Every structure is written in C-alpha cells, then in structure tokens.
C-alpha cells in the first residue's frame, strides 16, 4: 500500500498522497503500483497531471486495467479539462469495450475541442464496432482537417469501402490523398469547390491546384472565390487556373482587389509611432519596436522628473513636446508599411 502523509501546503487536502498532486512528477514505479492494485480512481486523477509523460503513462495503465475502468473513463469524457478527456479516450481506445461506443459517438459529435473530436474518431476505429461507421462518415465533412483525417482512417480500420465515386472522393479528400482525387476526375469538382472555403490554407491551395487542371463551366464562381482568398499562395494558384475558369485576363486585378487585405494599415502604424514611438515598428512585426518604445518612455519620464522647464503643460503632459520628433518617425513608418507586399 502507498503511504499517506499529512501535508499542510495550501490547496492540498490533509492525507492526500503525493501522487495525486497535479504538479508532482509521478515515477513509473508508482503508476505500476496503482495499476497492479487496480486503483482506477487514482490513475484517472493522474490524467490531469501537468506532466505530459505522466498523463500518457496513466492512460496506458488505465488501458491495461481493462473493461473495469470503462465506467470511470466514460465519466471522464465530461471533465472540463481537455487533457483528461484526451487521456480517457486513449485508454478507451486501448480497452476496446463496446459499451463505450455511444459515449465516443457523443464526444465525436458534440465535444467543443477539435483535438478531442479527433481522438474520439480514432478511438471509434480502435473499438471496432459497426455503430461507429455512420457518425464517422458524417465526420468526413467536418470543417477541421484533423477530424476528417481521423474519421477516414477509422473507417478504413472498420473495413468500410466507398460505394460510389463521390464517396471515394470524400474519403480521399479527408485523407488528403490528392493523387487519388486527381485520378477521380470531374466528379470531384463539387467537393473541391466546397474545399475553397476550408479553414486550412494548404487544403484551399491544393484544391485550387487540382481545379486548375480541369475545365468546367461551373468553375468560374469557384475561381472568383479563390482569387479573393486571404492567402497569397491560394490567390496565385487561382490566377494560374483562371484560363480554364473562363475568366478574362483583364478581369483578374478586379477580382483580386476584393481580397481581404493582410498588409498592416500604414495609418495605424504612423499613429502608433506618433504617440507611442516604437509601437508602430512593433505593429509592423519588428521585434525591436518594443525596445524602442521602452527607451522612449524612459527618456520622457527621466526628463520630466529631473529637468524643470517652464513650458505650458510640460509638467502635466511632457509627451506633447516630443511630437515634432516622433512625427518624423511616424512618416517613416507610414512609408515602410506602404512598401510591404500586399499581393
């Protein structure tokens, strides 16, 4: 048995064993002892330990305990901690208890965290219960590529095979198997058009690339959307594909002009440097901008405290007399921002 001691550290209840402290690094032999004693509650508590290696070793131990831990692990899927839910899913995937399938499906469908949904999709494939096929098929169109990928891999583990070209394209898209998508041909166009709204830049990029190798009268609207994409690589691929989209060359600048502007605002950079010298450079991505700001503030404060100058508002607001100098830097920052690429 593990020895219990009285601890008086604030926030730690009396007689709490050290292995339950969330910040303590628990050695492997302690986890092995808990596993041999089938101390499921303590092992589940280690899933919220701040050390990642303790978390995964605890999850591994819970998986080794077997179906006896399923109930505790299923309840852990409602824990507010993401790491606890991920550890519980890892253990449930190792156990493979069919009684956990409904909880895994609920987690896949409703959990607010993307990583947890991804892990739930993987766990459903490890449990190998046919009840998971329907929810996994629905997850092939999830907005996040990681959830789609996990669902497609699990469907393969469950022996699922596509029954049409559209289903085969959806599976290939979830697996990001672009070679298969190219080979399927024109039936992938509706899927690739939808992919132009994907969260991931690389997915949009590859979708435009494949669309650019096809021709279809319905692709013009999709190319218009890609030409105004916020990412420059996606826009460029759309420019290269514009010929097959039926967009006249002279119209390309117009479509691209409707993109979301990503270049820093020159006026915002200038105003920041005028009133808070250095922050304008920081806004433009210059790491040393904050150092300039701190030096500027130090100089202003030092002058106001050590020098007695009989000027209006100097003692109350000394910064006003630095504006003629910072205006020069504001103009220079404005010019810098204007020269930054925006295409």
Protein backbone atom coordinates (compact mmCIF):
# COMPACT_ATOMS: atom_id res chain seq x y z
CA UNK A 1 0.00 0.00 0.00
CA UNK A 2 1.10 3.55 -0.67
CA UNK A 3 1.92 5.54 2.45
CA UNK A 4 -0.23 8.56 3.26
CA UNK A 5 1.23 11.63 4.92
CA UNK A 6 -0.19 14.81 6.35
CA UNK A 7 0.58 17.80 4.14
CA UNK A 8 -0.12 21.36 5.10
CA UNK A 9 0.62 23.05 1.77
CA UNK A 10 -2.20 25.43 0.88
CA UNK A 11 -4.70 23.87 -1.52
CA UNK A 12 -3.72 20.26 -0.77
CA UNK A 13 -6.17 18.40 1.48
CA UNK A 14 -4.81 16.56 4.52
CA UNK A 15 -3.71 12.96 3.94
CA UNK A 16 -3.58 13.44 0.14
CA UNK A 17 -0.83 11.17 -1.25
CA UNK A 18 1.87 12.91 -3.30
CA UNK A 19 0.95 11.03 -6.48
CA UNK A 20 -2.37 12.91 -6.54
CA UNK A 21 -0.75 16.33 -6.56
CA UNK A 22 -1.41 17.71 -10.06
CA UNK A 23 2.02 19.39 -10.24
CA UNK A 24 4.17 16.50 -8.97
CA UNK A 25 6.13 14.25 -11.31
CA UNK A 26 4.98 10.71 -10.57
CA UNK A 27 7.60 7.99 -11.16
CA UNK A 28 6.86 4.92 -13.22
CA UNK A 29 7.00 2.53 -10.27
CA UNK A 30 4.17 4.45 -8.55
CA UNK A 31 1.99 4.15 -11.66
CA UNK A 32 2.87 0.44 -11.90
CA UNK A 33 1.79 0.00 -8.25
CA UNK A 34 -1.51 1.78 -8.89
CA UNK A 35 -2.10 -0.43 -11.92
CA UNK A 36 -1.34 -3.64 -10.05
CA UNK A 37 -3.70 -2.52 -7.27
CA UNK A 38 -6.29 -1.63 -9.98
CA UNK A 39 -6.59 1.78 -8.34
CA UNK A 40 -8.67 3.23 -11.17
CA UNK A 41 -9.63 6.41 -9.33
CA UNK A 42 -6.03 7.44 -8.65
CA UNK A 43 -4.94 6.59 -12.19
CA UNK A 44 -7.80 8.67 -13.58
CA UNK A 45 -6.70 11.53 -11.34
CA UNK A 46 -3.25 11.42 -12.93
CA UNK A 47 -4.78 12.30 -16.31
CA UNK A 48 -4.84 15.93 -15.16
CA UNK A 49 -1.20 15.92 -14.04
CA UNK A 50 0.71 18.80 -15.59
CA UNK A 51 3.50 16.50 -16.84
CA UNK A 52 2.64 15.06 -20.25
CA UNK A 53 4.60 11.84 -19.73
CA UNK A 54 2.67 11.18 -16.51
CA UNK A 55 -0.60 11.73 -18.40
CA UNK A 56 0.12 9.24 -21.16
CA UNK A 57 1.60 6.64 -18.81
CA UNK A 58 -1.52 6.91 -16.64
CA UNK A 59 -3.70 6.50 -19.74
CA UNK A 60 -1.64 3.47 -20.76
CA UNK A 61 -2.08 1.97 -17.28
CA UNK A 62 -5.84 2.55 -17.36
CA UNK A 63 -5.98 0.80 -20.72
CA UNK A 64 -4.13 -2.15 -19.21
CA UNK A 65 -6.68 -2.38 -16.38
CA UNK A 66 -9.29 -3.31 -18.99
CA UNK A 67 -13.10 -3.03 -19.05
CA UNK A 68 -13.23 -2.45 -15.28
CA UNK A 69 -12.03 1.11 -15.99
CA UNK A 70 -14.58 1.83 -18.74
CA UNK A 71 -17.20 3.44 -16.49
CA UNK A 72 -14.72 5.83 -14.88
CA UNK A 73 -13.23 6.72 -18.26
CA UNK A 74 -16.63 7.38 -19.84
CA UNK A 75 -17.46 9.76 -16.99
CA UNK A 76 -14.09 11.47 -17.55
CA UNK A 77 -15.27 12.44 -21.05
CA UNK A 78 -17.39 15.13 -19.34
CA UNK A 79 -14.39 16.56 -17.49
CA UNK A 80 -13.74 20.25 -18.31
CA UNK A 81 -10.01 19.53 -18.78
CA UNK A 82 -9.01 18.75 -22.38
CA UNK A 83 -6.03 16.66 -21.24
CA UNK A 84 -8.27 14.49 -19.06
CA UNK A 85 -10.66 13.85 -21.95
CA UNK A 86 -7.77 13.05 -24.29
CA UNK A 87 -6.25 10.65 -21.78
CA UNK A 88 -9.61 8.95 -21.25
CA UNK A 89 -10.02 8.50 -25.00
CA UNK A 90 -6.56 7.00 -25.30
CA UNK A 91 -7.36 4.48 -22.58
CA UNK A 92 -10.79 3.65 -24.04
CA UNK A 93 -9.23 3.01 -27.45
CA UNK A 94 -6.83 0.51 -25.82
CA UNK A 95 -9.61 -1.26 -23.91
CA UNK A 96 -11.92 -1.55 -26.92
CA UNK A 97 -15.03 -2.05 -24.78
CA UNK A 98 -18.19 -1.90 -26.97
CA UNK A 99 -20.11 -0.34 -24.05
CA UNK A 100 -18.13 2.88 -24.59
CA UNK A 101 -19.22 3.36 -28.23
CA UNK A 102 -22.21 5.61 -27.51
CA UNK A 103 -20.08 7.90 -25.34
CA UNK A 104 -17.41 8.02 -28.04
CA UNK A 105 -20.01 8.95 -30.64
CA UNK A 106 -21.36 11.74 -28.44
CA UNK A 107 -17.82 13.04 -27.94
CA UNK A 108 -17.15 12.94 -31.68
CA UNK A 109 -20.35 14.82 -32.44
CA UNK A 110 -20.53 17.38 -29.65
CA UNK A 111 -17.20 17.98 -27.90
CA UNK A 112 -16.17 21.66 -28.28
CA UNK A 113 -12.46 20.85 -28.69
CA UNK A 114 -11.03 19.79 -32.07
CA UNK A 115 -8.29 17.58 -30.61
CA UNK A 116 -10.82 15.71 -28.51
CA UNK A 117 -13.06 15.09 -31.53
CA UNK A 118 -10.05 13.88 -33.47
CA UNK A 119 -9.13 11.48 -30.66
CA UNK A 120 -12.75 10.26 -30.44
CA UNK A 121 -12.72 9.47 -34.17
CA UNK A 122 -9.52 7.45 -33.73
CA UNK A 123 -10.92 5.65 -30.68
CA UNK A 124 -14.04 4.59 -32.60
CA UNK A 125 -11.81 2.89 -35.15
CA UNK A 126 -9.91 1.08 -32.40
CA UNK A 127 -13.06 -0.20 -30.68
CA UNK A 128 -14.13 -1.76 -34.00
CA UNK A 129 -17.88 -1.55 -33.50
CA UNK A 130 -20.07 -1.06 -36.62
CA UNK A 131 -22.19 1.52 -34.76
CA UNK A 132 -19.35 3.98 -35.30
CA UNK A 133 -19.50 3.86 -39.11
CA UNK A 134 -22.40 6.29 -39.53
CA UNK A 135 -21.01 9.05 -37.26
CA UNK A 136 -17.56 8.62 -38.78
CA UNK A 137 -18.98 9.03 -42.30
CA UNK A 138 -20.68 12.23 -41.17
CA UNK A 139 -17.36 13.50 -39.80
CA UNK A 140 -15.72 13.20 -43.23
CA UNK A 141 -17.18 16.64 -43.96
CA UNK A 142 -16.17 18.22 -40.64
CA UNK A 143 -14.69 21.74 -41.01
CA UNK A 144 -11.38 20.66 -39.44
CA UNK A 145 -8.98 18.52 -41.47
CA UNK A 146 -7.70 16.62 -38.41
CA UNK A 147 -11.17 15.35 -37.53
CA UNK A 148 -11.76 14.40 -41.18
CA UNK A 149 -8.44 12.56 -41.30
CA UNK A 150 -9.12 10.62 -38.08
CA UNK A 151 -12.60 9.65 -39.28
CA UNK A 152 -11.29 8.41 -42.64
CA UNK A 153 -8.53 6.34 -41.00
CA UNK A 154 -11.01 4.78 -38.60
CA UNK A 155 -13.39 3.91 -41.42
CA UNK A 156 -10.54 2.05 -43.08
CA UNK A 157 -9.90 0.20 -39.80
CA UNK A 158 -13.57 -0.76 -39.67
CA UNK A 159 -13.40 -2.20 -43.20
CA UNK A 160 -15.62 0.47 -44.76
CA UNK A 161 -15.47 0.73 -48.55
CA UNK A 162 -16.90 3.52 -50.71
CA UNK A 163 -19.95 2.66 -52.80
CA UNK A 164 -19.67 5.49 -55.34
CA UNK A 165 -17.17 7.85 -56.91
CA UNK A 166 -18.47 10.66 -54.70
CA UNK A 167 -17.88 8.65 -51.51
CA UNK A 168 -14.45 7.62 -52.76
CA UNK A 169 -13.64 11.28 -53.42
CA UNK A 170 -14.83 12.27 -49.95
CA UNK A 171 -12.62 9.63 -48.36
CA UNK A 172 -9.62 10.68 -50.45
CA UNK A 173 -10.20 14.31 -49.57
CA UNK A 174 -10.39 13.51 -45.84
CA UNK A 175 -7.12 11.57 -46.15
CA UNK A 176 -5.67 14.42 -48.23
CA UNK A 177 -4.76 11.90 -50.92
CA UNK A 178 -4.51 14.43 -53.72
CA UNK A 179 -3.22 11.85 -56.23
CA UNK A 180 -6.42 9.83 -55.88
CA UNK A 181 -8.52 12.97 -56.20
CA UNK A 182 -6.79 13.90 -59.44
CA UNK A 183 -7.41 10.40 -60.78
CA UNK A 184 -11.14 10.50 -59.99
CA UNK A 185 -11.61 13.44 -62.31
CA UNK A 186 -14.54 15.79 -62.84
CA UNK A 187 -16.82 14.19 -60.25
CA UNK A 188 -14.59 15.76 -57.58
CA UNK A 189 -15.36 19.32 -58.73
CA UNK A 190 -18.26 19.99 -56.29
CA UNK A 191 -16.13 18.69 -53.39
CA UNK A 192 -13.12 20.79 -54.39
CA UNK A 193 -15.30 23.87 -54.83
CA UNK A 194 -16.56 23.46 -51.25
CA UNK A 195 -12.96 23.00 -50.12
CA UNK A 196 -12.20 26.56 -51.23
CA UNK A 197 -13.91 27.66 -48.00
CA UNK A 198 -11.85 25.29 -45.83
CA UNK A 199 -10.18 26.68 -42.71
CA UNK A 200 -6.78 25.32 -43.72
CA UNK A 201 -4.69 27.28 -46.22
CA UNK A 202 -2.97 24.18 -47.63
CA UNK A 203 -6.30 22.46 -48.32
CA UNK A 204 -7.52 25.51 -50.25
CA UNK A 205 -4.21 25.70 -52.07
CA UNK A 206 -4.25 22.08 -53.24
CA UNK A 207 -7.93 22.28 -54.18
CA UNK A 208 -7.28 25.25 -56.47
CA UNK A 209 -4.30 23.42 -57.96
CA UNK A 210 -6.42 20.39 -58.91
CA UNK A 211 -9.28 22.53 -60.16
CA UNK A 212 -6.80 24.36 -62.37
CA UNK A 213 -6.13 21.11 -64.22
CA UNK A 214 -9.80 20.67 -65.14
CA UNK A 215 -12.32 22.67 -67.10
CA UNK A 216 -15.97 23.10 -66.26
CA UNK A 217 -18.42 25.93 -66.95
CA UNK A 218 -19.48 25.92 -63.29
CA UNK A 219 -15.93 26.59 -62.07
CA UNK A 220 -15.97 30.34 -62.76
CA UNK A 221 -17.67 31.22 -59.47
CA UNK A 222 -15.22 28.98 -57.58
CA UNK A 223 -12.26 30.67 -59.25
CA UNK A 224 -13.70 34.07 -58.34
CA UNK A 225 -13.77 33.00 -54.69
CA UNK A 226 -10.20 31.70 -54.83
CA UNK A 227 -8.96 34.92 -56.46
CA UNK A 228 -10.14 36.85 -53.40
CA UNK A 229 -8.70 34.35 -50.88
CA UNK A 230 -6.86 35.89 -47.93
CA UNK A 231 -3.78 33.75 -48.61
CA UNK A 232 -1.39 34.88 -51.33
CA UNK A 233 -0.43 31.32 -52.40
CA UNK A 234 -4.08 30.38 -52.95
CA UNK A 235 -4.69 33.58 -54.93
CA UNK A 236 -1.68 32.89 -57.15
CA UNK A 237 -2.84 29.33 -57.89
CA UNK A 238 -6.23 30.80 -58.82
CA UNK A 239 -4.55 33.27 -61.19
CA UNK A 240 -2.76 30.38 -62.91
CA UNK A 241 -6.04 28.46 -63.16
CA UNK A 242 -8.07 31.42 -64.41
CA UNK A 243 -7.72 30.42 -68.07
CA UNK A 244 -9.65 27.19 -67.53
CA UNK A 245 -12.20 29.04 -65.41
CA UNK A 246 -13.15 31.25 -68.34
CA UNK A 247 -12.08 34.48 -66.62
CA UNK A 248 -10.62 37.11 -68.99
CA UNK A 249 -7.08 38.18 -68.08
CA UNK A 250 -8.11 41.83 -67.81
CA UNK A 251 -10.65 40.95 -65.08
CA UNK A 252 -8.09 39.30 -62.76
CA UNK A 253 -6.95 42.50 -61.00
CA UNK A 254 -10.59 43.38 -60.28
CA UNK A 255 -11.34 40.02 -58.66
CA UNK A 256 -8.09 40.04 -56.67
CA UNK A 257 -8.81 43.56 -55.42
CA UNK A 258 -11.78 42.20 -53.44
CA UNK A 259 -9.49 40.08 -51.24
CA UNK A 260 -9.16 40.56 -47.52
CA UNK A 261 -6.30 42.97 -47.00
CA UNK A 262 -3.48 41.42 -44.98
CA UNK A 263 -0.89 44.20 -45.10
CA UNK A 264 -0.64 46.28 -41.90
CA UNK A 265 -2.54 49.56 -42.08
CA UNK A 266 0.00 52.36 -42.82
CA UNK A 267 -2.12 54.94 -40.99
CA UNK A 268 -2.34 52.78 -37.86
CA UNK A 269 1.45 52.26 -37.90
CA UNK A 270 2.05 56.01 -38.25
CA UNK A 271 -0.36 56.96 -35.44
CA UNK A 272 1.21 54.42 -33.08
CA UNK A 273 4.69 55.79 -33.72
CA UNK A 274 3.49 59.38 -33.38
CA UNK A 275 2.01 58.92 -29.91
CA UNK A 276 3.95 55.84 -28.67
CA UNK A 277 7.27 55.78 -30.51
CA UNK A 278 8.33 52.19 -31.15
CA UNK A 279 4.92 50.54 -31.08
CA UNK A 280 4.46 51.40 -34.74
CA UNK A 281 7.51 49.28 -35.57
CA UNK A 282 6.19 46.53 -33.31
CA UNK A 283 2.89 46.63 -35.23
CA UNK A 284 4.85 46.06 -38.45
CA UNK A 285 6.42 42.93 -36.97
CA UNK A 286 9.77 44.39 -35.92
CA UNK A 287 10.82 42.67 -32.70
CA UNK A 288 12.89 45.64 -31.58
CA UNK A 289 9.92 48.03 -31.70
CA UNK A 290 9.02 47.41 -28.08
CA UNK A 291 12.60 48.13 -27.03
CA UNK A 292 12.41 51.50 -28.81
CA UNK A 293 9.12 52.21 -27.02
CA UNK A 294 10.62 51.40 -23.60
CA UNK A 295 13.65 53.60 -24.31
CA UNK A 296 11.36 56.44 -25.45
CA UNK A 297 9.21 56.21 -22.31
CA UNK A 298 12.28 56.06 -20.07
CA UNK A 299 13.76 59.19 -21.64
CA UNK A 300 10.50 61.15 -21.40
CA UNK A 301 9.89 60.20 -17.77
CA UNK A 302 13.51 60.90 -16.80
CA UNK A 303 13.43 64.38 -18.38
CA UNK A 304 10.10 65.26 -16.76
CA UNK A 305 11.38 64.23 -13.31
CA UNK A 306 14.88 65.68 -13.43
CA UNK A 307 14.54 68.82 -15.54
CA UNK A 308 12.48 71.85 -14.56
CA UNK A 309 11.30 73.59 -17.71
CA UNK A 310 8.87 76.47 -17.56
CA UNK A 311 6.73 75.49 -20.55
CA UNK A 312 2.93 75.19 -20.75
CA UNK A 313 1.72 71.69 -19.87
CA UNK A 314 5.29 70.33 -19.63
CA UNK A 315 4.94 69.08 -16.07
CA UNK A 316 1.46 67.69 -16.75
CA UNK A 317 1.97 66.26 -20.21
CA UNK A 318 5.62 66.28 -21.32
CA UNK A 319 4.99 63.98 -24.26
CA UNK A 320 3.43 66.81 -26.28
CA UNK A 321 6.86 68.35 -26.85
CA UNK A 322 8.20 65.12 -28.35
CA UNK A 323 5.60 65.03 -31.13
CA UNK A 324 7.62 67.08 -33.65
CA UNK A 325 10.34 64.42 -33.36
CA UNK A 326 8.05 61.39 -33.35
CA UNK A 327 6.21 62.83 -36.37
CA UNK A 328 9.34 62.16 -38.41
CA UNK A 329 9.35 58.52 -37.30
CA UNK A 330 5.59 58.32 -37.92
CA UNK A 331 6.08 59.37 -41.54
CA UNK A 332 8.93 56.89 -41.94
CA UNK A 333 6.76 54.09 -40.51
CA UNK A 334 3.96 55.04 -42.90
CA UNK A 335 6.39 54.68 -45.83
CA UNK A 336 7.60 51.31 -44.51
CA UNK A 337 4.05 49.97 -44.29
CA UNK A 338 3.21 51.20 -47.79
CA UNK A 339 6.17 49.27 -49.21
CA UNK A 340 5.18 45.98 -47.61
CA UNK A 341 3.80 43.49 -50.17
CA UNK A 342 0.03 43.01 -50.22
CA UNK A 343 -0.41 40.56 -53.07
